[in-house]
PDB file of N, CA and C in Angstrom:
ATOM      1  N   UNK A   1     112.251  -7.267 141.577  1.00  0.00           N
ATOM      2  CA  UNK A   1     113.900  -6.807 141.482  1.00  0.00           C
ATOM      3  C   UNK A   1     113.788  -5.761 142.627  1.00  0.00           C
ATOM      4  N   UNK A   2     114.845  -5.998 143.584  1.00  0.00           N
ATOM      5  CA  UNK A   2     114.690  -4.959 145.075  1.00  0.00           C
ATOM      6  C   UNK A   2     115.253  -3.750 144.312  1.00  0.00           C
ATOM      7  N   UNK A   3     114.569  -2.826 145.535  1.00  0.00           N
ATOM      8  CA  UNK A   3     114.875  -1.484 145.106  1.00  0.00           C
ATOM      9  C   UNK A   3     115.737  -0.926 146.264  1.00  0.00           C
ATOM     10  N   UNK A   4     116.941  -0.359 145.905  1.00  0.00           N
ATOM     11  CA  UNK A   4     117.632   0.580 146.812  1.00  0.00           C
ATOM     12  C   UNK A   4     117.822   1.855 146.814  1.00  0.00           C
ATOM     13  N   UNK A   5     117.541   2.352 147.930  1.00  0.00           N
ATOM     14  CA  UNK A   5     117.777   4.277 147.997  1.00  0.00           C
ATOM     15  C   UNK A   5     119.134   4.514 148.408  1.00  0.00           C
ATOM     16  N   UNK A   6     119.895   5.216 147.396  1.00  0.00           N
ATOM     17  CA  UNK A   6     121.334   5.698 147.845  1.00  0.00           C
ATOM     18  C   UNK A   6     121.065   7.185 147.771  1.00  0.00           C
ATOM     19  N   UNK A   7     121.926   7.344 149.031  1.00  0.00           N
ATOM     20  CA  UNK A   7     122.034   8.986 149.496  1.00  0.00           C
ATOM     21  C   UNK A   7     123.468   9.588 149.633  1.00  0.00           C
ATOM     22  N   UNK A   8     124.137   9.947 148.608  1.00  0.00           N
ATOM     23  CA  UNK A   8     125.588  10.195 148.576  1.00  0.00           C
ATOM     24  C   UNK A   8     125.756  11.562 147.670  1.00  0.00           C
ATOM     25  N   UNK A   9     126.800  12.569 148.455  1.00  0.00           N
ATOM     26  CA  UNK A   9     126.574  13.836 147.889  1.00  0.00           C
ATOM     27  C   UNK A   9     128.077  13.918 147.120  1.00  0.00           C
ATOM     28  N   UNK A  10     128.735  13.044 146.802  1.00  0.00           N
ATOM     29  CA  UNK A  10     129.574  12.672 145.862  1.00  0.00           C
ATOM     30  C   UNK A  10     129.089  12.337 144.694  1.00  0.00           C
ATOM     31  N   UNK A  11     128.965  13.228 143.897  1.00  0.00           N
ATOM     32  CA  UNK A  11     128.572  13.050 142.451  1.00  0.00           C
ATOM     33  C   UNK A  11     128.682  11.691 141.593  1.00  0.00           C
ATOM     34  N   UNK A  12     130.609  11.792 141.549  1.00  0.00           N
ATOM     35  CA  UNK A  12     131.084  10.741 141.017  1.00  0.00           C
ATOM     36  C   UNK A  12     130.524   9.113 141.316  1.00  0.00           C
ATOM     37  N   UNK A  13     130.651   8.765 142.890  1.00  0.00           N
ATOM     38  CA  UNK A  13     130.593   8.093 143.617  1.00  0.00           C
ATOM     39  C   UNK A  13     128.881   7.356 143.350  1.00  0.00           C
ATOM     40  N   UNK A  14     127.951   8.525 143.547  1.00  0.00           N
ATOM     41  CA  UNK A  14     126.940   8.366 143.461  1.00  0.00           C
ATOM     42  C   UNK A  14     126.334   7.567 141.977  1.00  0.00           C
ATOM     43  N   UNK A  15     126.858   8.295 140.885  1.00  0.00           N
ATOM     44  CA  UNK A  15     126.842   7.644 139.651  1.00  0.00           C
ATOM     45  C   UNK A  15     127.389   6.558 139.668  1.00  0.00           C
ATOM     46  N   UNK A  16     128.541   6.221 140.147  1.00  0.00           N
ATOM     47  CA  UNK A  16     129.408   4.948 139.744  1.00  0.00           C
ATOM     48  C   UNK A  16     128.400   3.879 140.425  1.00  0.00           C
ATOM     49  N   UNK A  17     127.678   4.344 142.086  1.00  0.00           N
ATOM     50  CA  UNK A  17     127.328   2.962 142.715  1.00  0.00           C
ATOM     51  C   UNK A  17     125.898   2.695 141.929  1.00  0.00           C
ATOM     52  N   UNK A  18     125.473   3.865 141.505  1.00  0.00           N
ATOM     53  CA  UNK A  18     123.582   3.603 140.850  1.00  0.00           C
ATOM     54  C   UNK A  18     124.093   2.781 139.548  1.00  0.00           C
ATOM     55  N   UNK A  19     125.232   2.822 138.765  1.00  0.00           N
ATOM     56  CA  UNK A  19     125.307   1.959 137.782  1.00  0.00           C
ATOM     57  C   UNK A  19     125.870   0.806 138.119  1.00  0.00           C
ATOM     58  N   UNK A  20     126.904   0.433 138.914  1.00  0.00           N
ATOM     59  CA  UNK A  20     127.215  -0.545 139.558  1.00  0.00           C
ATOM     60  C   UNK A  20     126.006  -1.678 139.999  1.00  0.00           C
ATOM     61  N   UNK A  21     125.126  -1.163 141.061  1.00  0.00           N
ATOM     62  CA  UNK A  21     123.983  -1.718 141.469  1.00  0.00           C
ATOM     63  C   UNK A  21     122.978  -2.391 140.321  1.00  0.00           C
ATOM     64  N   UNK A  22     122.560  -0.878 139.321  1.00  0.00           N
ATOM     65  CA  UNK A  22     121.805  -1.265 138.165  1.00  0.00           C
ATOM     66  C   UNK A  22     122.167  -2.625 137.440  1.00  0.00           C
ATOM     67  N   UNK A  23     123.494  -2.435 137.025  1.00  0.00           N
ATOM     68  CA  UNK A  23     123.983  -3.680 136.060  1.00  0.00           C
ATOM     69  C   UNK A  23     124.023  -5.240 137.032  1.00  0.00           C
ATOM     70  N   UNK A  24     123.898  -4.733 138.547  1.00  0.00           N
ATOM     71  CA  UNK A  24     123.545  -6.395 139.302  1.00  0.00           C
ATOM     72  C   UNK A  24     122.081  -6.346 139.766  1.00  0.00           C
ATOM     73  N   UNK A  25     121.336  -5.942 138.548  1.00  0.00           N
ATOM     74  CA  UNK A  25     119.919  -6.435 138.892  1.00  0.00           C
ATOM     75  C   UNK A  25     119.070  -5.669 140.373  1.00  0.00           C
ATOM     76  N   UNK A  26     119.517  -4.667 140.488  1.00  0.00           N
ATOM     77  CA  UNK A  26     118.710  -3.693 141.422  1.00  0.00           C
ATOM     78  C   UNK A  26     118.127  -2.554 140.676  1.00  0.00           C
ATOM     79  N   UNK A  27     117.276  -2.075 141.386  1.00  0.00           N
ATOM     80  CA  UNK A  27     116.500  -0.798 141.131  1.00  0.00           C
ATOM     81  C   UNK A  27     117.001  -0.054 141.883  1.00  0.00           C
ATOM     82  N   UNK A  28     117.912   1.138 141.475  1.00  0.00           N
ATOM     83  CA  UNK A  28     118.283   2.292 142.154  1.00  0.00           C
ATOM     84  C   UNK A  28     117.362   3.482 142.347  1.00  0.00           C
ATOM     85  N   UNK A  29     116.981   4.221 143.483  1.00  0.00           N
ATOM     86  CA  UNK A  29     116.849   5.702 143.478  1.00  0.00           C
ATOM     87  C   UNK A  29     117.858   6.504 144.083  1.00  0.00           C
ATOM     88  N   UNK A  30     118.302   7.328 143.574  1.00  0.00           N
ATOM     89  CA  UNK A  30     119.780   8.056 144.055  1.00  0.00           C
ATOM     90  C   UNK A  30     119.619   9.431 144.259  1.00  0.00           C
ATOM     91  N   UNK A  31     120.269   9.742 145.312  1.00  0.00           N
ATOM     92  CA  UNK A  31     119.698  11.238 145.668  1.00  0.00           C
ATOM     93  C   UNK A  31     120.752  11.868 146.315  1.00  0.00           C
ATOM     94  N   UNK A  32     121.416  13.172 146.100  1.00  0.00           N
ATOM     95  CA  UNK A  32     122.557  13.656 146.771  1.00  0.00           C
ATOM     96  C   UNK A  32     122.325  14.902 148.070  1.00  0.00           C
ATOM     97  N   UNK A  33     121.243  14.393 148.625  1.00  0.00           N
ATOM     98  CA  UNK A  33     121.214  15.361 149.515  1.00  0.00           C
ATOM     99  C   UNK A  33     120.112  14.489 150.516  1.00  0.00           C
ATOM    100  N   UNK A  34     120.316  14.679 151.790  1.00  0.00           N
ATOM    101  CA  UNK A  34     119.297  14.331 152.896  1.00  0.00           C
ATOM    102  C   UNK A  34     117.954  14.557 152.639  1.00  0.00           C
ATOM    103  N   UNK A  35     117.627  15.701 152.589  1.00  0.00           N
ATOM    104  CA  UNK A  35     116.233  16.319 152.510  1.00  0.00           C
ATOM    105  C   UNK A  35     115.157  15.502 151.330  1.00  0.00           C
ATOM    106  N   UNK A  36     116.163  15.266 150.120  1.00  0.00           N
ATOM    107  CA  UNK A  36     115.245  14.892 149.165  1.00  0.00           C
ATOM    108  C   UNK A  36     115.201  13.290 149.734  1.00  0.00           C
ATOM    109  N   UNK A  37     115.946  12.390 150.116  1.00  0.00           N
ATOM    110  CA  UNK A  37     115.968  11.311 150.531  1.00  0.00           C
ATOM    111  C   UNK A  37     114.856  11.096 151.792  1.00  0.00           C
ATOM    112  N   UNK A  38     114.499  12.120 152.602  1.00  0.00           N
ATOM    113  CA  UNK A  38     113.287  11.860 153.634  1.00  0.00           C
ATOM    114  C   UNK A  38     112.229  12.211 152.929  1.00  0.00           C
ATOM    115  N   UNK A  39     112.381  12.968 151.818  1.00  0.00           N
ATOM    116  CA  UNK A  39     110.841  13.074 150.993  1.00  0.00           C
ATOM    117  C   UNK A  39     110.488  11.730 150.105  1.00  0.00           C
ATOM    118  N   UNK A  40     111.629  11.194 149.568  1.00  0.00           N
ATOM    119  CA  UNK A  40     110.922   9.644 149.178  1.00  0.00           C
ATOM    120  C   UNK A  40     111.031   8.966 149.827  1.00  0.00           C
ATOM    121  N   UNK A  41     111.647   8.972 151.238  1.00  0.00           N
ATOM    122  CA  UNK A  41     111.247   7.890 152.100  1.00  0.00           C
ATOM    123  C   UNK A  41     109.694   7.869 152.486  1.00  0.00           C
ATOM    124  N   UNK A  42     109.220   9.158 152.686  1.00  0.00           N
ATOM    125  CA  UNK A  42     107.773   9.362 153.299  1.00  0.00           C
ATOM    126  C   UNK A  42     107.150   9.156 152.162  1.00  0.00           C
ATOM    127  N   UNK A  43     107.051   8.839 150.842  1.00  0.00           N
ATOM    128  CA  UNK A  43     106.136   8.923 149.743  1.00  0.00           C
ATOM    129  C   UNK A  43     106.307   7.043 149.360  1.00  0.00           C
ATOM    130  N   UNK A  44     107.746   6.474 149.669  1.00  0.00           N
ATOM    131  CA  UNK A  44     107.937   5.156 149.009  1.00  0.00           C
ATOM    132  C   UNK A  44     108.429   4.221 150.165  1.00  0.00           C
ATOM    133  N   UNK A  45     108.382   4.385 151.197  1.00  0.00           N
ATOM    134  CA  UNK A  45     109.351   3.587 152.269  1.00  0.00           C
ATOM    135  C   UNK A  45     108.506   2.064 152.180  1.00  0.00           C
ATOM    136  N   UNK A  46     107.664   2.024 152.301  1.00  0.00           N
ATOM    137  CA  UNK A  46     107.153   0.669 152.065  1.00  0.00           C
ATOM    138  C   UNK A  46     107.557  -0.569 150.746  1.00  0.00           C
ATOM    139  N   UNK A  47     108.146   0.733 149.664  1.00  0.00           N
ATOM    140  CA  UNK A  47     108.754  -0.140 148.354  1.00  0.00           C
ATOM    141  C   UNK A  47     110.294  -0.259 148.361  1.00  0.00           C
ATOM    142  N   UNK A  48     110.980   0.791 149.473  1.00  0.00           N
ATOM    143  CA  UNK A  48     112.249   0.377 149.378  1.00  0.00           C
ATOM    144  C   UNK A  48     112.760  -0.853 150.108  1.00  0.00           C
ATOM    145  N   UNK A  49     113.950  -1.606 149.871  1.00  0.00           N
ATOM    146  CA  UNK A  49     114.399  -2.911 150.127  1.00  0.00           C
ATOM    147  C   UNK A  49     115.493  -2.617 151.001  1.00  0.00           C
ATOM    148  N   UNK A  50     116.244  -1.404 150.886  1.00  0.00           N
ATOM    149  CA  UNK A  50     117.614  -1.103 151.387  1.00  0.00           C
ATOM    150  C   UNK A  50     118.070   0.326 151.126  1.00  0.00           C
ATOM    151  N   UNK A  51     118.379   0.996 152.076  1.00  0.00           N
ATOM    152  CA  UNK A  51     119.088   2.154 152.008  1.00  0.00           C
ATOM    153  C   UNK A  51     120.618   2.036 152.289  1.00  0.00           C
ATOM    154  N   UNK A  52     121.281   2.919 151.486  1.00  0.00           N
ATOM    155  CA  UNK A  52     122.801   3.004 151.720  1.00  0.00           C
ATOM    156  C   UNK A  52     122.750   4.918 151.655  1.00  0.00           C
ATOM    157  N   UNK A  53     123.471   5.015 152.757  1.00  0.00           N
ATOM    158  CA  UNK A  53     123.615   6.361 152.841  1.00  0.00           C
ATOM    159  C   UNK A  53     125.001   7.055 153.324  1.00  0.00           C
ATOM    160  N   UNK A  54     125.411   8.001 152.810  1.00  0.00           N
ATOM    161  CA  UNK A  54     126.554   8.707 153.416  1.00  0.00           C
ATOM    162  C   UNK A  54     126.215   9.111 154.703  1.00  0.00           C
ATOM    163  N   UNK A  55     127.238   9.552 155.719  1.00  0.00           N
ATOM    164  CA  UNK A  55     127.047  10.035 156.951  1.00  0.00           C
ATOM    165  C   UNK A  55     126.923  11.646 156.980  1.00  0.00           C
ATOM    166  N   UNK A  56     127.517  12.239 156.299  1.00  0.00           N
ATOM    167  CA  UNK A  56     127.548  13.820 156.014  1.00  0.00           C
ATOM    168  C   UNK A  56     126.698  14.307 154.719  1.00  0.00           C
ATOM    169  N   UNK A  57     125.747  14.554 154.691  1.00  0.00           N
ATOM    170  CA  UNK A  57     125.352  15.120 153.575  1.00  0.00           C
ATOM    171  C   UNK A  57     124.588  16.356 153.974  1.00  0.00           C
ATOM    172  N   UNK A  58     124.271  17.042 152.540  1.00  0.00           N
ATOM    173  CA  UNK A  58     123.658  18.445 153.035  1.00  0.00           C
ATOM    174  C   UNK A  58     122.172  18.178 153.302  1.00  0.00           C
ATOM    175  N   UNK A  59     121.699  19.217 154.016  1.00  0.00           N
ATOM    176  CA  UNK A  59     120.025  19.409 154.418  1.00  0.00           C
ATOM    177  C   UNK A  59     119.989  18.439 155.697  1.00  0.00           C
ATOM    178  N   UNK A  60     120.298  17.101 155.692  1.00  0.00           N
ATOM    179  CA  UNK A  60     119.984  16.406 156.549  1.00  0.00           C
ATOM    180  C   UNK A  60     120.817  15.212 156.329  1.00  0.00           C
ATOM    181  N   UNK A  61     121.695  14.454 157.268  1.00  0.00           N
ATOM    182  CA  UNK A  61     122.632  13.800 157.466  1.00  0.00           C
ATOM    183  C   UNK A  61     122.298  12.380 157.566  1.00  0.00           C
ATOM    184  N   UNK A  62     123.516  11.323 157.612  1.00  0.00           N
ATOM    185  CA  UNK A  62     122.897  10.168 157.599  1.00  0.00           C
ATOM    186  C   UNK A  62     122.374   9.728 158.787  1.00  0.00           C
ATOM    187  N   UNK A  63     122.716  10.301 159.887  1.00  0.00           N
ATOM    188  CA  UNK A  63     121.833  10.096 160.921  1.00  0.00           C
ATOM    189  C   UNK A  63     120.451  10.525 161.165  1.00  0.00           C
ATOM    190  N   UNK A  64     120.374  11.679 160.616  1.00  0.00           N
ATOM    191  CA  UNK A  64     118.947  11.932 160.883  1.00  0.00           C
ATOM    192  C   UNK A  64     117.935  10.946 159.913  1.00  0.00           C
ATOM    193  N   UNK A  65     118.650  10.521 158.660  1.00  0.00           N
ATOM    194  CA  UNK A  65     117.924   9.414 157.983  1.00  0.00           C
ATOM    195  C   UNK A  65     117.682   8.001 158.708  1.00  0.00           C
ATOM    196  N   UNK A  66     118.679   7.606 159.579  1.00  0.00           N
ATOM    197  CA  UNK A  66     118.340   6.649 160.208  1.00  0.00           C
ATOM    198  C   UNK A  66     117.371   6.465 161.262  1.00  0.00           C
ATOM    199  N   UNK A  67     117.551   7.837 162.069  1.00  0.00           N
ATOM    200  CA  UNK A  67     116.714   8.166 163.241  1.00  0.00           C
ATOM    201  C   UNK A  67     115.047   8.525 162.415  1.00  0.00           C
ATOM    202  N   UNK A  68     114.815   8.749 161.422  1.00  0.00           N
ATOM    203  CA  UNK A  68     113.538   8.688 160.636  1.00  0.00           C
ATOM    204  C   UNK A  68     112.961   7.346 160.296  1.00  0.00           C
ATOM    205  N   UNK A  69     113.944   6.447 159.803  1.00  0.00           N
ATOM    206  CA  UNK A  69     113.401   5.378 159.268  1.00  0.00           C
ATOM    207  C   UNK A  69     113.149   4.331 160.390  1.00  0.00           C
ATOM    208  N   UNK A  70     114.072   4.418 161.596  1.00  0.00           N
ATOM    209  CA  UNK A  70     113.578   3.470 162.810  1.00  0.00           C
ATOM    210  C   UNK A  70     112.810   4.229 163.850  1.00  0.00           C
ATOM    211  N   UNK A  71     112.548   5.619 164.064  1.00  0.00           N
ATOM    212  CA  UNK A  71     111.840   5.942 165.035  1.00  0.00           C
ATOM    213  C   UNK A  71     110.677   6.345 164.372  1.00  0.00           C
ATOM    214  N   UNK A  72     110.564   7.327 163.385  1.00  0.00           N
ATOM    215  CA  UNK A  72     109.128   7.990 162.782  1.00  0.00           C
ATOM    216  C   UNK A  72     108.450   6.898 161.974  1.00  0.00           C
ATOM    217  N   UNK A  73     109.330   6.031 161.125  1.00  0.00           N
ATOM    218  CA  UNK A  73     108.457   5.206 160.321  1.00  0.00           C
ATOM    219  C   UNK A  73     108.390   3.811 160.918  1.00  0.00           C
ATOM    220  N   UNK A  74     109.032   3.823 162.175  1.00  0.00           N
ATOM    221  CA  UNK A  74     109.263   2.096 162.670  1.00  0.00           C
ATOM    222  C   UNK A  74     109.631   0.936 161.636  1.00  0.00           C
ATOM    223  N   UNK A  75     110.460   1.261 161.007  1.00  0.00           N
ATOM    224  CA  UNK A  75     110.583   0.595 159.839  1.00  0.00           C
ATOM    225  C   UNK A  75     112.051  -0.385 160.291  1.00  0.00           C
ATOM    226  N   UNK A  76     112.351  -1.467 159.454  1.00  0.00           N
ATOM    227  CA  UNK A  76     113.307  -2.411 159.731  1.00  0.00           C
ATOM    228  C   UNK A  76     113.915  -2.309 158.386  1.00  0.00           C
ATOM    229  N   UNK A  77     113.647  -1.382 157.632  1.00  0.00           N
ATOM    230  CA  UNK A  77     114.647  -1.507 156.033  1.00  0.00           C
ATOM    231  C   UNK A  77     116.142  -1.518 156.571  1.00  0.00           C
ATOM    232  N   UNK A  78     116.866  -2.473 155.915  1.00  0.00           N
ATOM    233  CA  UNK A  78     118.102  -2.349 156.382  1.00  0.00           C
ATOM    234  C   UNK A  78     119.001  -0.946 155.777  1.00  0.00           C
ATOM    235  N   UNK A  79     119.805  -0.603 156.425  1.00  0.00           N
ATOM    236  CA  UNK A  79     120.703   0.489 156.485  1.00  0.00           C
ATOM    237  C   UNK A  79     122.047   0.479 156.167  1.00  0.00           C
ATOM    238  N   UNK A  80     122.648   0.873 155.174  1.00  0.00           N
ATOM    239  CA  UNK A  80     124.326   0.499 155.205  1.00  0.00           C
ATOM    240  C   UNK A  80     124.763   2.180 155.116  1.00  0.00           C
ATOM    241  N   UNK A  81     125.641   2.357 156.106  1.00  0.00           N
ATOM    242  CA  UNK A  81     126.350   3.812 156.063  1.00  0.00           C
ATOM    243  C   UNK A  81     127.909   3.833 155.489  1.00  0.00           C
ATOM    244  N   UNK A  82     127.853   4.860 154.779  1.00  0.00           N
ATOM    245  CA  UNK A  82     129.392   4.888 154.067  1.00  0.00           C
ATOM    246  C   UNK A  82     129.896   6.267 154.974  1.00  0.00           C
ATOM    247  N   UNK A  83     130.983   6.006 154.875  1.00  0.00           N
ATOM    248  CA  UNK A  83     131.772   7.388 155.505  1.00  0.00           C
ATOM    249  C   UNK A  83     133.356   7.383 155.156  1.00  0.00           C
ATOM    250  N   UNK A  84     133.903   8.517 154.961  1.00  0.00           N
ATOM    251  CA  UNK A  84     135.239   8.919 155.036  1.00  0.00           C
ATOM    252  C   UNK A  84     135.961   8.698 156.156  1.00  0.00           C
ATOM    253  N   UNK A  85     134.896   8.628 157.449  1.00  0.00           N
ATOM    254  CA  UNK A  85     135.653   8.972 158.750  1.00  0.00           C
ATOM    255  C   UNK A  85     135.673   7.303 159.153  1.00  0.00           C
ATOM    256  N   UNK A  86     136.952   6.891 159.420  1.00  0.00           N
ATOM    257  CA  UNK A  86     137.030   5.551 159.942  1.00  0.00           C
ATOM    258  C   UNK A  86     136.916   5.295 161.298  1.00  0.00           C
ATOM    259  N   UNK A  87     136.410   6.348 161.694  1.00  0.00           N
ATOM    260  CA  UNK A  87     136.617   6.582 163.672  1.00  0.00           C
ATOM    261  C   UNK A  87     135.666   5.416 164.286  1.00  0.00           C
ATOM    262  N   UNK A  88     136.338   4.746 165.011  1.00  0.00           N
ATOM    263  CA  UNK A  88     135.335   3.706 165.715  1.00  0.00           C
ATOM    264  C   UNK A  88     134.349   4.093 166.245  1.00  0.00           C
ATOM    265  N   UNK A  89     134.538   5.158 167.079  1.00  0.00           N
ATOM    266  CA  UNK A  89     133.363   5.989 167.816  1.00  0.00           C
ATOM    267  C   UNK A  89     132.174   6.216 167.219  1.00  0.00           C
ATOM    268  N   UNK A  90     132.528   6.658 165.891  1.00  0.00           N
ATOM    269  CA  UNK A  90     131.412   7.051 164.689  1.00  0.00           C
ATOM    270  C   UNK A  90     130.765   5.875 164.240  1.00  0.00           C
ATOM    271  N   UNK A  91     131.437   4.797 163.915  1.00  0.00           N
ATOM    272  CA  UNK A  91     130.558   3.344 163.766  1.00  0.00           C
ATOM    273  C   UNK A  91     129.877   3.298 164.736  1.00  0.00           C
ATOM    274  N   UNK A  92     130.521   3.011 166.165  1.00  0.00           N
ATOM    275  CA  UNK A  92     129.636   2.374 167.117  1.00  0.00           C
ATOM    276  C   UNK A  92     128.154   3.595 166.982  1.00  0.00           C
ATOM    277  N   UNK A  93     128.474   4.590 166.987  1.00  0.00           N
ATOM    278  CA  UNK A  93     127.325   5.739 167.351  1.00  0.00           C
ATOM    279  C   UNK A  93     126.103   5.485 166.069  1.00  0.00           C
ATOM    280  N   UNK A  94     126.843   5.184 164.797  1.00  0.00           N
ATOM    281  CA  UNK A  94     125.655   4.691 163.741  1.00  0.00           C
ATOM    282  C   UNK A  94     124.953   3.697 163.927  1.00  0.00           C
ATOM    283  N   UNK A  95     125.698   2.634 164.248  1.00  0.00           N
ATOM    284  CA  UNK A  95     125.189   0.962 164.746  1.00  0.00           C
ATOM    285  C   UNK A  95     124.199   1.350 165.704  1.00  0.00           C
ATOM    286  N   UNK A  96     124.634   2.083 166.950  1.00  0.00           N
ATOM    287  CA  UNK A  96     123.877   2.298 167.994  1.00  0.00           C
ATOM    288  C   UNK A  96     122.482   3.055 167.632  1.00  0.00           C
ATOM    289  N   UNK A  97     122.633   3.810 166.660  1.00  0.00           N
ATOM    290  CA  UNK A  97     121.237   4.493 166.183  1.00  0.00           C
ATOM    291  C   UNK A  97     120.481   3.561 165.417  1.00  0.00           C
ATOM    292  N   UNK A  98     120.984   2.333 164.799  1.00  0.00           N
ATOM    293  CA  UNK A  98     120.144   1.697 163.982  1.00  0.00           C
ATOM    294  C   UNK A  98     120.616   1.161 162.627  1.00  0.00           C
ATOM    295  N   UNK A  99     121.556   1.591 162.344  1.00  0.00           N
ATOM    296  CA  UNK A  99     122.394   0.983 160.818  1.00  0.00           C
ATOM    297  C   UNK A  99     122.599  -0.436 161.234  1.00  0.00           C
ATOM    298  N   UNK A 100     122.576  -1.099 159.896  1.00  0.00           N
ATOM    299  CA  UNK A 100     122.812  -2.703 160.201  1.00  0.00           C
ATOM    300  C   UNK A 100     124.470  -2.694 159.416  1.00  0.00           C
ATOM    301  N   UNK A 101     124.890  -1.744 158.773  1.00  0.00           N
ATOM    302  CA  UNK A 101     126.414  -2.149 158.460  1.00  0.00           C
ATOM    303  C   UNK A 101     127.203  -0.817 158.365  1.00  0.00           C
ATOM    304  N   UNK A 102     128.364  -0.470 158.415  1.00  0.00           N
ATOM    305  CA  UNK A 102     129.142   0.657 158.186  1.00  0.00           C
ATOM    306  C   UNK A 102     130.199   0.088 157.394  1.00  0.00           C
ATOM    307  N   UNK A 103     130.415   1.031 156.260  1.00  0.00           N
ATOM    308  CA  UNK A 103     131.745   0.854 155.492  1.00  0.00           C
ATOM    309  C   UNK A 103     132.232   2.053 155.216  1.00  0.00           C
ATOM    310  N   UNK A 104     133.893   2.053 155.529  1.00  0.00           N
ATOM    311  CA  UNK A 104     134.263   3.248 155.335  1.00  0.00           C
ATOM    312  C   UNK A 104     135.103   3.401 153.906  1.00  0.00           C
ATOM    313  N   UNK A 105     135.165   4.801 153.409  1.00  0.00           N
ATOM    314  CA  UNK A 105     135.625   4.826 152.261  1.00  0.00           C
ATOM    315  C   UNK A 105     136.976   5.252 152.000  1.00  0.00           C
ATOM    316  N   UNK A 106     137.740   4.870 151.216  1.00  0.00           N
ATOM    317  CA  UNK A 106     137.245   3.953 149.983  1.00  0.00           C
ATOM    318  C   UNK A 106     136.888   2.664 150.175  1.00  0.00           C
ATOM    319  N   UNK A 107     135.977   2.114 149.501  1.00  0.00           N
ATOM    320  CA  UNK A 107     135.755   0.635 149.484  1.00  0.00           C
ATOM    321  C   UNK A 107     135.733  -0.156 148.063  1.00  0.00           C
ATOM    322  N   UNK A 108     135.533  -1.414 148.363  1.00  0.00           N
ATOM    323  CA  UNK A 108     135.517  -1.925 147.043  1.00  0.00           C
ATOM    324  C   UNK A 108     134.097  -2.239 146.848  1.00  0.00           C
ATOM    325  N   UNK A 109     133.714  -2.296 145.649  1.00  0.00           N
ATOM    326  CA  UNK A 109     132.017  -2.517 145.621  1.00  0.00           C
ATOM    327  C   UNK A 109     131.504  -3.529 145.488  1.00  0.00           C
ATOM    328  N   UNK A 110     132.717  -4.716 145.322  1.00  0.00           N
ATOM    329  CA  UNK A 110     132.404  -5.805 145.630  1.00  0.00           C
ATOM    330  C   UNK A 110     132.005  -6.327 147.159  1.00  0.00           C
ATOM    331  N   UNK A 111     132.676  -5.731 147.986  1.00  0.00           N
ATOM    332  CA  UNK A 111     132.413  -5.708 149.078  1.00  0.00           C
ATOM    333  C   UNK A 111     131.119  -4.942 149.720  1.00  0.00           C
ATOM    334  N   UNK A 112     130.430  -4.125 148.957  1.00  0.00           N
ATOM    335  CA  UNK A 112     129.379  -3.438 149.086  1.00  0.00           C
ATOM    336  C   UNK A 112     128.222  -4.454 148.590  1.00  0.00           C
ATOM    337  N   UNK A 113     128.545  -4.960 147.535  1.00  0.00           N
ATOM    338  CA  UNK A 113     127.617  -6.077 147.095  1.00  0.00           C
ATOM    339  C   UNK A 113     127.366  -7.082 148.073  1.00  0.00           C
ATOM    340  N   UNK A 114     128.493  -7.714 148.598  1.00  0.00           N
ATOM    341  CA  UNK A 114     128.197  -8.523 149.250  1.00  0.00           C
ATOM    342  C   UNK A 114     127.431  -8.148 150.886  1.00  0.00           C
ATOM    343  N   UNK A 115     127.782  -7.201 151.275  1.00  0.00           N
ATOM    344  CA  UNK A 115     126.692  -6.492 152.509  1.00  0.00           C
ATOM    345  C   UNK A 115     125.589  -6.720 152.273  1.00  0.00           C
ATOM    346  N   UNK A 116     125.163  -6.036 150.598  1.00  0.00           N
ATOM    347  CA  UNK A 116     123.937  -5.720 150.579  1.00  0.00           C
ATOM    348  C   UNK A 116     123.165  -7.047 150.212  1.00  0.00           C
ATOM    349  N   UNK A 117     123.703  -7.953 149.451  1.00  0.00           N
ATOM    350  CA  UNK A 117     123.338  -9.572 149.577  1.00  0.00           C
ATOM    351  C   UNK A 117     122.829 -10.151 150.578  1.00  0.00           C
ATOM    352  N   UNK A 118     123.641  -9.961 151.652  1.00  0.00           N
ATOM    353  CA  UNK A 118     123.776 -10.521 152.842  1.00  0.00           C
ATOM    354  C   UNK A 118     122.355  -9.890 153.821  1.00  0.00           C
ATOM    355  N   UNK A 119     121.875  -8.633 153.366  1.00  0.00           N
ATOM    356  CA  UNK A 119     121.001  -7.886 154.071  1.00  0.00           C
ATOM    357  C   UNK A 119     119.756  -8.467 153.484  1.00  0.00           C
ATOM    358  N   UNK A 120     119.394  -8.305 152.232  1.00  0.00           N
ATOM    359  CA  UNK A 120     118.336  -8.715 151.396  1.00  0.00           C
ATOM    360  C   UNK A 120     118.278  -9.723 150.602  1.00  0.00           C
ATOM    361  N   UNK A 121     119.172 -11.016 150.992  1.00  0.00           N
ATOM    362  CA  UNK A 121     119.076 -11.753 150.128  1.00  0.00           C
ATOM    363  C   UNK A 121     117.866 -12.934 150.281  1.00  0.00           C
TER     364      UNK A 121
END
């Protein structure tokens, strides 16, 4: 079973994504702030198959998570960034940092699932 780390400060969205992905046969680790996510990555990076992170998070943002994964951990774990900011410059910035996908909120869970399957099939 593939393991996904979700980092999202919107509790309703976090619970919805966790439920949806669990129903689609993924094991989900979910956190509502970047600091907890960075701690999980320190302890479990080799067992995580994909990261889904909001861009704007308490304590450590999505950019910091991407930088930690790519630069400090030297990992190629796929990263999907979610954000309410659909600004093209933001998309280019996170893709330049090393994110694999950028999805603007609101989004369809089916679209997210397709992107996940593409990255970790």
